[in-house]
Amino acid sequence: MTKNKNKYKDTGVDIEEGQRFIEDIKDLTREPITSYSLSNIGSFSGYVDTPSEFSSPVYALACDGVGTKIKIALKLNNLKTIGIDLVAMCVNDLISSGAKPTAFLDYYGCSKLDRSKGKEIISGILEGCKLAGCELIGGETAEMPNHYTNDNFDLVGFSLGVNNKDEIIDGSSIEADNLVLGLPSSGFHSNGYSLINQIIEDKVIDNSLMQKLLTPTNIYVNDILALKKVCKINGMAHITGGGLNENLSRIANGKTICIDRKKWALPNIFEEIKELGNISEEEMFNVFNCGIGFCLVLDKLNAKKAIKENPKLIEIGFVSDKGEVDFKFI
């Protein structure tokens, strides 16, 4: 009888270490964030209950990742905040239609599992879930030697939200003369880092700039849930890759959304990257959020109510029915 000498562990996949990592996650998630969770980490699937305030519930789903911002985190040897980015990129998409985030799942793929790094990432994800008011109910950790190389890894998130069917905000009620209000971003969030990494690759970069590039993405869930209680919102957009143009075009409803770039100053971190990379202003606005991370479209009366509720809001534009394009700068 031939003895089998091949072992899974010899390929670089350590099942026992993976099981120990699951126990780490169980320890981190021992205290639930919300009352929605009906299951524990480690099951084959996770269950959540529907929050009681929804009378005609429908469910929204979103998926996103951190992208090449991971390279900045690896350069600084700091993985504590990219988990917040991961949650933010998903739940901000959910809340843009008015859906309240309830559950979150993650995928962490690496060449070789490092439990200490993994715990840093999961801790950040849990912090993001707390900020968004949702529950981490499961995920997947995959060791794939020779697919992911060296310290490189991938991080992807999946989120579930709930809304009443008659309260979905999809831009269909946007009208001419509505105003566009913007909530400030915390920086580049998690978009455009392929360009940023190309710019800084061969340069000696001040550590303070690198730290600013790692600033986590703002989570807008609580801002929007509060605004929904006091005003009628006609449309919302999470400003991600493609900037204001691409993301506001999604909700234009056959109108032209006009944005005045003079209504706010380009934050310093954007000016630094613009100068460092010799990037044109047009390219900056085509790629990055340029200081506005989330937008709302409301009629004038509700815009006043919104600004009173949240003074961080900036009036940055208006809606016109004169034109053949979804979006333009004025």
Protein backbone atom coordinates (compact mmCIF):
# COMPACT_ATOMS: atom_id res chain seq x y z
CA MET A 1 0.00 0.00 0.00
CA THR A 2 1.43 3.37 -1.02
CA LYS A 3 1.69 5.86 1.79
CA ASN A 4 0.21 9.26 0.99
CA LYS A 5 2.96 11.79 1.65
CA ASN A 6 1.06 14.84 0.42
CA LYS A 7 -0.45 17.04 3.11
CA TYR A 8 -2.65 20.11 2.78
CA LYS A 9 -0.45 21.98 5.25
CA ASP A 10 2.52 21.51 2.91
CA THR A 11 0.76 23.69 0.32
CA GLY A 12 0.77 26.58 2.80
CA VAL A 13 -2.81 26.17 4.06
CA ASP A 14 -3.03 25.62 7.82
CA ILE A 15 -6.53 24.40 8.74
CA GLU A 16 -5.79 24.36 12.47
CA GLU A 17 -4.55 27.97 12.42
CA GLY A 18 -7.70 28.90 10.53
CA GLN A 19 -9.84 27.32 13.23
CA ARG A 20 -7.92 29.23 15.89
CA PHE A 21 -8.62 32.43 13.95
CA ILE A 22 -12.34 31.65 14.03
CA GLU A 23 -12.07 31.39 17.81
CA ASP A 24 -10.35 34.80 17.82
CA ILE A 25 -13.29 36.24 15.91
CA LYS A 26 -15.78 34.60 18.29
CA ASP A 27 -13.98 36.28 21.18
CA LEU A 28 -14.13 39.67 19.45
CA THR A 29 -17.85 39.30 18.64
CA ARG A 30 -18.96 37.87 21.97
CA GLU A 31 -20.96 41.02 22.75
CA PRO A 32 -23.56 41.69 20.02
CA ILE A 33 -23.74 45.18 18.54
CA THR A 34 -27.50 45.09 17.89
CA SER A 35 -30.52 43.03 18.86
CA TYR A 36 -31.00 41.79 15.28
CA SER A 37 -28.55 38.88 15.30
CA LEU A 38 -30.07 35.41 15.72
CA SER A 39 -26.90 33.35 15.24
CA ASN A 40 -23.28 33.12 16.32
CA ILE A 41 -20.04 33.36 14.35
CA GLY A 42 -18.95 29.92 13.15
CA SER A 43 -22.25 28.67 11.76
CA PHE A 44 -22.69 27.84 8.09
CA SER A 45 -24.81 30.97 7.66
CA GLY A 46 -25.87 33.94 9.74
CA TYR A 47 -29.40 35.04 10.60
CA VAL A 48 -30.75 38.47 11.49
CA ASP A 49 -34.21 39.57 12.54
CA THR A 50 -36.02 42.46 10.84
CA PRO A 51 -36.06 45.59 13.04
CA SER A 52 -39.55 46.06 14.48
CA GLU A 53 -40.03 49.59 13.12
CA PHE A 54 -40.43 48.32 9.53
CA SER A 55 -44.05 47.52 8.64
CA SER A 56 -43.54 46.60 4.95
CA PRO A 57 -39.89 45.49 4.88
CA VAL A 58 -37.84 45.06 1.73
CA TYR A 59 -34.14 44.26 1.71
CA ALA A 60 -31.21 46.05 0.10
CA LEU A 61 -27.87 44.37 -0.56
CA ALA A 62 -24.48 45.92 -1.30
CA CYS A 63 -20.96 44.66 -1.93
CA ASP A 64 -17.68 46.59 -2.08
CA GLY A 65 -14.02 46.42 -1.12
CA VAL A 66 -11.14 48.52 0.19
CA GLY A 67 -9.14 48.24 -3.04
CA THR A 68 -5.54 49.39 -3.29
CA LYS A 69 -5.79 51.51 -0.15
CA ILE A 70 -4.56 48.25 1.37
CA LYS A 71 -1.10 49.08 -0.05
CA ILE A 72 -0.97 52.24 2.11
CA ALA A 73 -1.99 50.22 5.18
CA LEU A 74 0.75 47.67 4.50
CA LYS A 75 3.39 50.38 4.01
CA LEU A 76 2.49 51.87 7.40
CA ASN A 77 2.12 48.42 8.97
CA ASN A 78 -1.27 49.54 10.27
CA LEU A 79 -4.33 47.43 9.45
CA LYS A 80 -6.51 48.81 12.24
CA THR A 81 -8.66 51.17 10.16
CA ILE A 82 -9.19 49.49 6.78
CA GLY A 83 -11.97 47.43 8.34
CA ILE A 84 -13.84 50.70 8.95
CA ASP A 85 -13.32 51.56 5.27
CA LEU A 86 -14.71 48.18 4.28
CA VAL A 87 -17.93 48.64 6.25
CA ALA A 88 -18.27 52.27 5.18
CA MET A 89 -18.07 51.55 1.47
CA CYS A 90 -20.93 49.07 1.76
CA VAL A 91 -23.28 50.73 4.27
CA ASN A 92 -22.97 54.15 2.61
CA ASP A 93 -24.28 52.52 -0.57
CA LEU A 94 -27.20 51.04 1.38
CA ILE A 95 -28.18 54.28 3.08
CA SER A 96 -28.17 56.14 -0.26
CA SER A 97 -31.57 54.54 -0.96
CA GLY A 98 -32.71 55.00 2.65
CA ALA A 99 -32.05 51.41 3.77
CA LYS A 100 -30.97 50.91 7.39
CA PRO A 101 -27.95 48.55 7.57
CA THR A 102 -28.58 45.48 9.71
CA ALA A 103 -25.94 42.86 8.87
CA PHE A 104 -22.43 42.58 7.48
CA LEU A 105 -20.22 39.79 6.08
CA ASP A 106 -16.55 39.94 5.11
CA TYR A 107 -14.14 38.07 2.84
CA TYR A 108 -10.46 38.09 3.79
CA GLY A 109 -8.20 36.36 1.27
CA CYS A 110 -4.46 36.04 1.88
CA SER A 111 -1.42 33.98 1.00
CA LYS A 112 -0.76 32.87 4.58
CA LEU A 113 -2.95 33.64 7.56
CA ASP A 114 -1.37 35.89 10.16
CA ARG A 115 -3.76 35.84 13.11
CA SER A 116 -2.47 39.08 14.64
CA LYS A 117 -3.02 40.96 11.35
CA GLY A 118 -6.37 39.26 10.94
CA LYS A 119 -7.48 40.40 14.39
CA GLU A 120 -6.50 43.99 13.55
CA ILE A 121 -8.66 43.83 10.42
CA ILE A 122 -11.64 42.25 12.18
CA SER A 123 -11.41 44.78 15.02
CA GLY A 124 -11.69 47.56 12.43
CA ILE A 125 -14.67 45.85 10.80
CA LEU A 126 -16.39 45.63 14.19
CA GLU A 127 -15.71 49.31 14.83
CA GLY A 128 -17.28 50.10 11.46
CA CYS A 129 -20.29 47.94 12.27
CA LYS A 130 -20.75 49.79 15.57
CA LEU A 131 -20.64 53.14 13.77
CA ALA A 132 -23.20 51.87 11.23
CA GLY A 133 -25.43 50.12 13.78
CA CYS A 134 -25.25 46.72 12.09
CA GLU A 135 -24.05 43.27 13.07
CA LEU A 136 -21.08 41.23 11.82
CA ILE A 137 -22.76 37.86 11.35
CA GLY A 138 -20.14 35.87 9.45
CA GLY A 139 -17.57 35.82 6.69
CA GLU A 140 -14.87 33.87 4.93
CA THR A 141 -11.13 33.65 5.50
CA ALA A 142 -9.26 32.06 2.59
CA GLU A 143 -5.59 31.05 2.52
CA MET A 144 -4.49 30.82 -1.12
CA PRO A 145 -0.71 30.43 -1.44
CA ASN A 146 0.73 31.41 -4.83
CA HIS A 147 -2.46 33.30 -5.67
CA TYR A 148 -2.01 36.13 -3.19
CA THR A 149 1.72 36.78 -2.91
CA ASN A 150 3.91 38.04 -0.07
CA ASP A 151 1.89 40.24 2.30
CA ASN A 152 -0.78 41.11 -0.27
CA PHE A 153 -4.36 40.30 0.61
CA ASP A 154 -7.88 41.19 -0.43
CA LEU A 155 -10.74 42.48 1.66
CA VAL A 156 -14.35 42.51 0.48
CA GLY A 157 -17.56 43.28 2.33
CA PHE A 158 -21.22 42.41 1.89
CA SER A 159 -24.01 44.25 3.69
CA LEU A 160 -27.74 43.83 4.18
CA GLY A 161 -30.14 46.69 4.84
CA VAL A 162 -33.87 47.03 5.33
CA ASN A 163 -36.36 49.70 4.29
CA ASN A 164 -40.10 50.06 4.00
CA LYS A 165 -41.15 49.39 0.42
CA ASP A 166 -42.87 52.76 0.05
CA GLU A 167 -39.88 54.65 1.47
CA ILE A 168 -37.21 53.66 -1.06
CA ILE A 169 -35.34 56.77 -2.23
CA ASP A 170 -34.28 56.25 -5.85
CA GLY A 171 -34.20 59.74 -7.36
CA SER A 172 -37.54 59.35 -9.17
CA SER A 173 -39.00 62.36 -7.32
CA ILE A 174 -36.12 64.73 -8.21
CA GLU A 175 -37.42 67.87 -9.90
CA ALA A 176 -36.01 71.04 -11.43
CA ASP A 177 -35.01 73.69 -8.85
CA ASN A 178 -34.24 71.06 -6.20
CA LEU A 179 -31.04 71.82 -4.30
CA VAL A 180 -27.99 69.58 -3.94
CA LEU A 181 -26.45 69.39 -0.47
CA GLY A 182 -23.13 67.73 0.28
CA LEU A 183 -21.67 66.13 3.39
CA PRO A 184 -17.89 66.52 3.72
CA SER A 185 -15.62 63.54 3.20
CA SER A 186 -12.78 62.62 5.54
CA GLY A 187 -10.35 62.43 2.65
CA PHE A 188 -10.05 60.09 -0.33
CA HIS A 189 -12.18 57.47 1.43
CA SER A 190 -11.40 54.24 -0.48
CA ASN A 191 -11.34 55.42 -4.07
CA GLY A 192 -8.66 56.44 -6.53
CA TYR A 193 -5.81 54.73 -4.69
CA SER A 194 -4.44 53.09 -7.83
CA LEU A 195 -3.62 56.61 -9.04
CA ILE A 196 -2.40 57.70 -5.60
CA ASN A 197 -0.12 54.67 -5.30
CA GLN A 198 1.30 55.35 -8.76
CA ILE A 199 2.05 58.95 -7.75
CA ILE A 200 3.83 58.09 -4.49
CA GLU A 201 5.55 54.90 -5.66
CA ASP A 202 8.98 56.38 -6.47
CA LYS A 203 8.86 59.40 -4.18
CA VAL A 204 10.07 60.02 -0.63
CA ILE A 205 6.78 60.73 1.11
CA ASP A 206 6.41 62.44 4.47
CA ASN A 207 4.94 60.03 7.03
CA SER A 208 2.24 62.53 7.99
CA LEU A 209 0.95 62.49 4.41
CA MET A 210 0.85 58.69 4.45
CA GLN A 211 -1.11 58.76 7.69
CA LYS A 212 -3.63 61.16 6.17
CA LEU A 213 -4.01 58.85 3.18
CA LEU A 214 -5.01 56.10 5.61
CA THR A 215 -7.79 58.19 7.22
CA PRO A 216 -10.87 55.93 7.30
CA THR A 217 -13.97 56.56 5.22
CA ASN A 218 -16.79 58.52 6.84
CA ILE A 219 -19.85 56.44 7.68
CA TYR A 220 -22.96 58.51 6.89
CA VAL A 221 -25.63 56.14 8.21
CA ASN A 222 -26.55 58.04 11.38
CA ASP A 223 -26.50 61.40 9.55
CA ILE A 224 -29.00 60.15 6.97
CA LEU A 225 -31.25 58.28 9.40
CA ALA A 226 -31.56 61.50 11.43
CA LEU A 227 -32.30 63.58 8.32
CA LYS A 228 -34.97 61.14 7.13
CA LYS A 229 -36.94 61.91 10.30
CA VAL A 230 -37.16 65.65 9.68
CA CYS A 231 -37.27 66.14 5.90
CA LYS A 232 -38.27 64.52 2.62
CA ILE A 233 -35.25 63.50 0.57
CA ASN A 234 -35.72 63.11 -3.19
CA GLY A 235 -32.41 61.49 -4.00
CA MET A 236 -29.02 60.58 -2.53
CA ALA A 237 -25.64 59.55 -3.86
CA HIS A 238 -22.57 58.06 -2.21
CA ILE A 239 -19.63 59.78 -3.92
CA THR A 240 -17.14 57.04 -4.73
CA GLY A 241 -14.90 56.30 -7.73
CA GLY A 242 -15.82 58.56 -10.64
CA GLY A 243 -16.46 61.50 -8.34
CA LEU A 244 -19.52 63.74 -8.32
CA ASN A 245 -20.15 63.38 -12.06
CA GLU A 246 -20.51 59.61 -12.26
CA ASN A 247 -22.36 59.12 -8.99
CA LEU A 248 -24.85 62.00 -9.23
CA SER A 249 -25.61 61.00 -12.83
CA ARG A 250 -27.10 57.78 -11.47
CA ILE A 251 -29.99 59.63 -9.84
CA ALA A 252 -30.54 62.53 -12.29
CA ASN A 253 -34.06 61.36 -13.28
CA GLY A 254 -33.79 62.93 -16.74
CA LYS A 255 -32.70 66.29 -15.34
CA THR A 256 -29.29 68.00 -15.23
CA ILE A 257 -27.56 68.15 -11.85
CA CYS A 258 -25.47 71.31 -11.76
CA ILE A 259 -22.59 71.55 -9.28
CA ASP A 260 -20.68 74.74 -8.46
CA ARG A 261 -17.10 73.81 -7.52
CA LYS A 262 -16.62 77.23 -5.92
CA LYS A 263 -19.08 76.37 -3.13
CA TRP A 264 -16.39 74.56 -1.15
CA ALA A 265 -12.63 74.54 -0.94
CA LEU A 266 -10.60 71.54 -2.05
CA PRO A 267 -9.29 70.06 1.24
CA ASN A 268 -5.53 70.19 1.85
CA ILE A 269 -4.94 66.45 1.34
CA PHE A 270 -6.40 66.71 -2.17
CA GLU A 271 -4.27 69.77 -2.92
CA GLU A 272 -1.16 67.87 -1.77
CA ILE A 273 -1.84 64.90 -4.07
CA LYS A 274 -2.85 67.22 -6.93
CA GLU A 275 0.49 69.04 -6.70
CA LEU A 276 2.56 65.91 -6.05
CA GLY A 277 1.13 64.14 -9.08
CA ASN A 278 0.74 67.20 -11.31
CA ILE A 279 -2.92 66.26 -11.79
CA SER A 280 -5.31 68.61 -13.58
CA GLU A 281 -8.36 69.86 -11.69
CA GLU A 282 -10.60 68.15 -14.25
CA GLU A 283 -8.90 64.80 -13.58
CA MET A 284 -9.16 65.33 -9.82
CA PHE A 285 -12.93 65.74 -10.06
CA ASN A 286 -13.23 62.81 -12.48
CA VAL A 287 -11.49 60.43 -10.07
CA PHE A 288 -11.90 61.61 -6.46
CA ASN A 289 -14.70 62.86 -4.20
CA CYS A 290 -12.69 66.11 -3.74
CA GLY A 291 -14.08 66.75 -0.27
CA ILE A 292 -17.75 65.81 -0.75
CA GLY A 293 -18.44 62.23 0.31
CA PHE A 294 -22.23 62.07 0.14
CA CYS A 295 -24.95 64.14 -1.57
CA LEU A 296 -28.65 64.73 -1.01
CA VAL A 297 -31.17 66.27 -3.39
CA LEU A 298 -34.16 68.03 -1.80
CA ASP A 299 -36.66 70.77 -2.57
CA LYS A 300 -35.82 74.19 -1.12
CA LEU A 301 -38.05 73.89 1.97
CA ASN A 302 -36.69 70.48 2.92
CA ALA A 303 -33.13 71.63 2.20
CA LYS A 304 -33.58 74.32 4.86
CA LYS A 305 -34.85 71.71 7.32
CA ALA A 306 -31.90 69.46 6.51
CA ILE A 307 -29.29 72.19 7.06
CA LYS A 308 -30.93 73.12 10.36
CA GLU A 309 -30.76 69.45 11.46
CA ASN A 310 -27.19 68.96 10.22
CA PRO A 311 -25.07 72.15 9.87
CA LYS A 312 -22.28 70.12 8.23
CA LEU A 313 -24.32 70.12 5.02
CA ILE A 314 -23.07 72.43 2.24
CA GLU A 315 -25.27 73.68 -0.59
CA ILE A 316 -23.20 72.78 -3.66
CA GLY A 317 -25.65 72.92 -6.56
CA PHE A 318 -29.13 72.62 -8.01
CA VAL A 319 -31.21 70.63 -10.49
CA SER A 320 -32.13 72.01 -13.93
CA ASP A 321 -34.43 70.69 -16.64
CA LYS A 322 -32.60 72.72 -19.28
CA GLY A 323 -29.99 70.56 -20.94
CA GLU A 324 -29.29 67.17 -22.49
CA VAL A 325 -26.77 65.89 -19.93
CA ASP A 326 -27.23 64.25 -16.54
CA PHE A 327 -24.53 66.31 -14.87
CA LYS A 328 -22.40 69.40 -15.36
CA PHE A 329 -20.14 71.75 -13.43
CA ILE A 330 -21.10 75.41 -13.57
